[in-house]
């Protein structure tokens, strides 16, 4: 199925029109980018196309600037995010291992942009679970979403909760961009488990090669224009620096 173009917005430090042209030049080199517009006053870029948000961030960073995703998809809330962490006690100080962005771009069609870093080389299974309980890590997440129903169908069909695999190389980094015939609202509140070799489990909380995170709604395009957090008083860039130090992608 062909992915239709979708819009994403990013906060990017832009000082002048020359900055805009520099970033636009880098972005238009990406396959699938159809339009890039900038608002110097708000320091926001609007990008339309079919490129993965992680690829867009990398292209902007290639110009020497950073980028923070501010919204994706439509303005009706058809976007979600999942921060994947290890629950192993030995790695609590630097627990973030991956990020999955989800954007619904058409009825029953959601794209998934998965990125991982700082993990062991190998093949990892990505699955959505029936519950959002991560109190004991992956061990409390429940079974694979829709697996039993899919197995009992005639003929049997693929389970909605099996997202496939991601290959991680020696660098400890891996990424994949794919689409699934699901709606974002079906995912909110569930959790995602990423595990090395195992799909069903059982999972051990102290397994450093198993990561888990709850799927939460994220901002649609133009839904999030804040520049200072009302809770901490920190700017989005101060928060970005803090989260990056913890392993955030």
Protein backbone atom coordinates (compact mmCIF):
# COMPACT_ATOMS: atom_id res chain seq x y z
CA UNK A 1 0.00 0.00 0.00
CA UNK A 2 1.31 3.44 -0.92
CA UNK A 3 1.82 5.80 2.02
CA UNK A 4 0.01 9.14 1.44
CA UNK A 5 1.92 12.36 2.27
CA UNK A 6 1.58 13.60 5.85
CA UNK A 7 2.68 16.76 7.64
CA UNK A 8 5.15 17.09 10.50
CA UNK A 9 6.27 20.19 12.38
CA UNK A 10 9.67 20.66 14.03
CA UNK A 11 11.19 23.30 16.27
CA UNK A 12 14.51 24.29 14.70
CA UNK A 13 16.88 27.20 15.57
CA UNK A 14 16.57 29.51 12.55
CA UNK A 15 18.12 32.97 12.50
CA UNK A 16 17.57 34.15 8.93
CA UNK A 17 16.44 33.19 5.44
CA UNK A 18 19.88 31.75 4.74
CA UNK A 19 19.31 29.30 7.61
CA UNK A 20 15.97 28.34 6.10
CA UNK A 21 17.49 27.71 2.67
CA UNK A 22 20.28 25.62 4.22
CA UNK A 23 17.81 23.37 6.02
CA UNK A 24 15.48 23.18 3.02
CA UNK A 25 18.37 22.11 0.81
CA UNK A 26 19.22 19.25 3.16
CA UNK A 27 15.60 18.13 3.50
CA UNK A 28 14.81 18.17 -0.22
CA UNK A 29 17.57 15.60 -0.70
CA UNK A 30 15.43 13.10 1.21
CA UNK A 31 13.20 10.84 -0.92
CA UNK A 32 9.52 11.65 -0.45
CA UNK A 33 9.80 15.28 0.73
CA UNK A 34 7.38 17.44 -1.25
CA UNK A 35 7.24 20.72 0.68
CA UNK A 36 9.21 22.53 3.38
CA UNK A 37 8.07 25.86 4.81
CA UNK A 38 9.47 27.84 7.73
CA UNK A 39 8.22 30.44 10.20
CA UNK A 40 11.20 32.41 11.49
CA UNK A 41 9.19 34.10 14.24
CA UNK A 42 7.99 30.83 15.79
CA UNK A 43 11.16 28.89 14.83
CA UNK A 44 9.03 26.13 13.31
CA UNK A 45 9.42 24.07 10.17
CA UNK A 46 6.44 22.44 8.44
CA UNK A 47 7.36 19.45 6.28
CA UNK A 48 5.05 17.50 3.99
CA UNK A 49 5.99 14.18 2.46
CA UNK A 50 6.47 10.49 3.19
CA UNK A 51 9.91 10.51 4.84
CA UNK A 52 10.31 9.10 8.34
CA UNK A 53 10.45 11.74 11.11
CA UNK A 54 13.76 10.25 12.31
CA UNK A 55 15.24 10.74 8.82
CA UNK A 56 14.03 14.36 8.85
CA UNK A 57 15.72 14.99 12.19
CA UNK A 58 18.98 13.50 10.87
CA UNK A 59 18.84 15.69 7.74
CA UNK A 60 18.35 18.82 9.87
CA UNK A 61 21.17 17.79 12.20
CA UNK A 62 23.43 17.40 9.16
CA UNK A 63 23.23 21.20 8.81
CA UNK A 64 24.61 21.67 12.33
CA UNK A 65 21.22 22.40 13.91
CA UNK A 66 19.06 20.35 16.24
CA UNK A 67 15.35 19.58 15.77
CA UNK A 68 12.48 18.69 18.08
CA UNK A 69 9.34 17.07 16.70
CA UNK A 70 6.38 19.25 17.69
CA UNK A 71 3.52 17.52 15.89
CA UNK A 72 2.66 15.00 13.22
CA UNK A 73 -0.28 13.75 11.21
CA UNK A 74 -3.52 15.73 11.27
CA UNK A 75 -4.72 18.05 14.01
CA UNK A 76 -7.31 15.54 15.24
CA UNK A 77 -4.95 13.60 17.49
CA UNK A 78 -4.10 10.74 15.12
CA UNK A 79 -0.54 10.43 16.40
CA UNK A 80 1.15 8.58 19.24
CA UNK A 81 4.56 7.94 20.73
CA UNK A 82 6.22 5.23 22.81
CA UNK A 83 9.49 5.70 24.73
CA UNK A 84 11.15 2.33 25.24
CA UNK A 85 13.17 1.70 28.38
CA UNK A 86 14.89 -1.18 30.08
CA UNK A 87 13.66 -2.02 33.57
CA UNK A 88 16.94 -3.69 34.55
CA UNK A 89 18.05 -2.22 37.89
CA UNK A 90 21.67 -1.92 36.77
CA UNK A 91 20.71 0.46 33.93
CA UNK A 92 18.26 2.78 35.68
CA UNK A 93 20.50 5.84 35.27
CA UNK A 94 20.46 5.53 31.48
CA UNK A 95 17.39 3.46 30.70
CA UNK A 96 16.05 4.82 27.38
CA UNK A 97 16.77 2.49 24.48
CA UNK A 98 14.33 3.45 21.75
CA UNK A 99 11.55 5.62 20.44
CA UNK A 100 8.58 4.69 18.27
CA UNK A 101 6.55 7.41 16.59
CA UNK A 102 3.13 6.52 15.17
CA UNK A 103 1.10 8.61 12.73
CA UNK A 104 -2.23 7.66 11.17
CA UNK A 105 -2.12 8.83 7.57
CA UNK A 106 -5.33 7.22 6.25
CA UNK A 107 -8.28 5.14 7.52
CA UNK A 108 -6.85 1.90 8.94
CA UNK A 109 -3.32 2.91 7.99
CA UNK A 110 -0.71 3.94 10.55
CA UNK A 111 2.98 4.44 9.88
CA UNK A 112 5.58 3.55 12.47
CA UNK A 113 9.02 5.12 12.75
CA UNK A 114 11.17 3.01 15.09
CA UNK A 115 14.65 3.99 16.22
CA UNK A 116 16.92 2.27 18.75
CA UNK A 117 20.37 2.96 20.13
CA UNK A 118 22.72 1.64 22.79
CA UNK A 119 21.49 -1.96 22.50
CA UNK A 120 23.30 -5.21 21.78
CA UNK A 121 23.72 -6.41 18.22
CA UNK A 122 20.98 -8.78 17.06
CA UNK A 123 17.40 -9.23 15.94
CA UNK A 124 14.65 -7.72 18.10
CA UNK A 125 10.93 -8.52 17.99
CA UNK A 126 8.51 -5.61 18.31
CA UNK A 127 5.05 -6.39 19.68
CA UNK A 128 2.07 -4.47 21.08
CA UNK A 129 0.63 -6.05 24.23
CA UNK A 130 -2.94 -6.31 25.49
CA UNK A 131 -2.37 -4.06 28.51
CA UNK A 132 -0.42 -0.97 29.47
CA UNK A 133 0.89 -2.39 32.75
CA UNK A 134 4.68 -1.98 32.85
CA UNK A 135 4.97 -2.01 36.65
CA UNK A 136 7.17 -5.12 36.34
CA UNK A 137 8.55 -4.31 32.94
CA UNK A 138 7.64 -6.63 30.08
CA UNK A 139 6.66 -9.39 32.51
CA UNK A 140 3.43 -7.54 33.44
CA UNK A 141 2.51 -6.35 29.94
CA UNK A 142 0.20 -9.22 29.05
CA UNK A 143 0.00 -11.27 25.86
CA UNK A 144 0.40 -10.05 22.29
CA UNK A 145 -2.54 -7.84 21.31
CA UNK A 146 -5.07 -9.59 19.02
CA UNK A 147 -2.98 -12.79 18.84
CA UNK A 148 -5.67 -15.22 20.06
CA UNK A 149 -8.39 -13.70 17.86
CA UNK A 150 -6.10 -13.83 14.84
CA UNK A 151 -5.21 -17.47 15.47
CA UNK A 152 -8.87 -18.45 15.80
CA UNK A 153 -9.91 -16.68 12.59
CA UNK A 154 -10.70 -18.76 9.54
CA UNK A 155 -8.33 -18.70 7.86
CA UNK A 156 -5.82 -17.53 10.51
CA UNK A 157 -4.56 -13.98 9.93
CA UNK A 158 -1.61 -11.95 11.18
CA UNK A 159 -2.11 -10.47 14.65
CA UNK A 160 -2.39 -6.68 14.80
CA UNK A 161 0.06 -6.63 17.69
CA UNK A 162 2.99 -8.18 15.82
CA UNK A 163 4.94 -5.29 14.32
CA UNK A 164 7.83 -7.40 13.03
CA UNK A 165 11.55 -7.23 13.72
CA UNK A 166 14.30 -4.65 13.78
CA UNK A 167 17.96 -5.45 13.11
CA UNK A 168 20.57 -3.77 15.30
CA UNK A 169 24.16 -3.69 14.07
CA UNK A 170 27.48 -3.53 15.88
CA UNK A 171 27.00 0.21 16.38
CA UNK A 172 24.11 -0.54 18.74
CA UNK A 173 21.73 1.40 16.51
CA UNK A 174 18.82 0.28 14.36
CA UNK A 175 15.79 1.77 12.64
CA UNK A 176 12.82 0.75 10.54
CA UNK A 177 9.95 2.64 8.89
CA UNK A 178 6.81 0.67 8.08
CA UNK A 179 3.03 0.86 7.87
CA UNK A 180 0.30 -1.25 9.48
CA UNK A 181 -3.47 -1.57 8.81
CA UNK A 182 -4.47 -0.23 12.23
CA UNK A 183 -5.93 2.92 13.81
CA UNK A 184 -3.98 5.00 16.32
CA UNK A 185 -6.89 4.98 18.80
CA UNK A 186 -6.54 1.19 19.04
CA UNK A 187 -3.00 1.59 20.35
CA UNK A 188 -3.36 4.32 23.00
CA UNK A 189 -2.89 2.95 26.52
CA UNK A 190 -1.34 -0.34 25.46
CA UNK A 191 2.38 -0.97 25.73
CA UNK A 192 5.07 -2.09 23.31
CA UNK A 193 7.64 -4.76 24.13
CA UNK A 194 10.90 -5.06 22.23
CA UNK A 195 12.69 -8.30 22.97
CA UNK A 196 15.72 -10.11 21.66
CA UNK A 197 14.67 -13.49 20.22
CA UNK A 198 11.51 -13.89 22.33
CA UNK A 199 8.00 -12.91 21.20
CA UNK A 200 5.65 -14.35 23.79
CA UNK A 201 7.99 -14.53 26.76
CA UNK A 202 8.25 -15.29 29.59
CA UNK A 203 10.16 -12.08 30.19
CA UNK A 204 12.44 -11.28 33.09
CA UNK A 205 12.32 -7.78 34.56
CA UNK A 206 16.12 -7.72 34.87
CA UNK A 207 16.69 -8.70 31.23
CA UNK A 208 18.81 -5.87 29.79
CA UNK A 209 17.83 -6.90 26.23
CA UNK A 210 14.08 -6.38 26.71
CA UNK A 211 12.54 -2.90 26.54
CA UNK A 212 9.05 -1.68 27.19
CA UNK A 213 7.00 1.53 27.03
CA UNK A 214 3.40 2.73 27.17
CA UNK A 215 1.83 4.14 23.98
CA UNK A 216 0.62 7.70 24.59
CA UNK A 217 -1.17 10.23 22.42
CA UNK A 218 1.14 12.83 20.93
CA UNK A 219 0.44 16.23 19.41
CA UNK A 220 -1.05 16.55 15.97
CA UNK A 221 0.28 19.17 13.57
CA UNK A 222 0.08 22.64 15.18
CA UNK A 223 -1.39 21.20 18.39
CA UNK A 224 1.77 21.89 20.40
CA UNK A 225 3.24 25.39 20.20
CA UNK A 226 4.62 25.71 23.74
CA UNK A 227 8.23 26.82 24.13
CA UNK A 228 8.42 26.71 27.93
CA UNK A 229 7.22 23.85 30.14
CA UNK A 230 4.61 25.07 32.64
CA UNK A 231 5.79 22.47 35.19
CA UNK A 232 9.57 22.91 35.18
CA UNK A 233 9.92 26.36 33.61
CA UNK A 234 12.53 24.95 31.22
CA UNK A 235 12.58 25.77 27.54
CA UNK A 236 12.04 22.97 25.01
CA UNK A 237 15.78 23.11 24.25
CA UNK A 238 16.74 22.77 27.92
CA UNK A 239 14.40 19.80 28.17
CA UNK A 240 15.92 18.38 24.98
CA UNK A 241 19.45 18.56 26.43
CA UNK A 242 18.32 16.95 29.67
CA UNK A 243 16.50 14.10 27.94
CA UNK A 244 19.35 13.49 25.50
CA UNK A 245 21.71 13.03 28.43
CA UNK A 246 19.41 10.24 29.63
CA UNK A 247 19.59 8.43 26.31
CA UNK A 248 16.58 9.92 24.52
CA UNK A 249 16.77 9.81 20.73
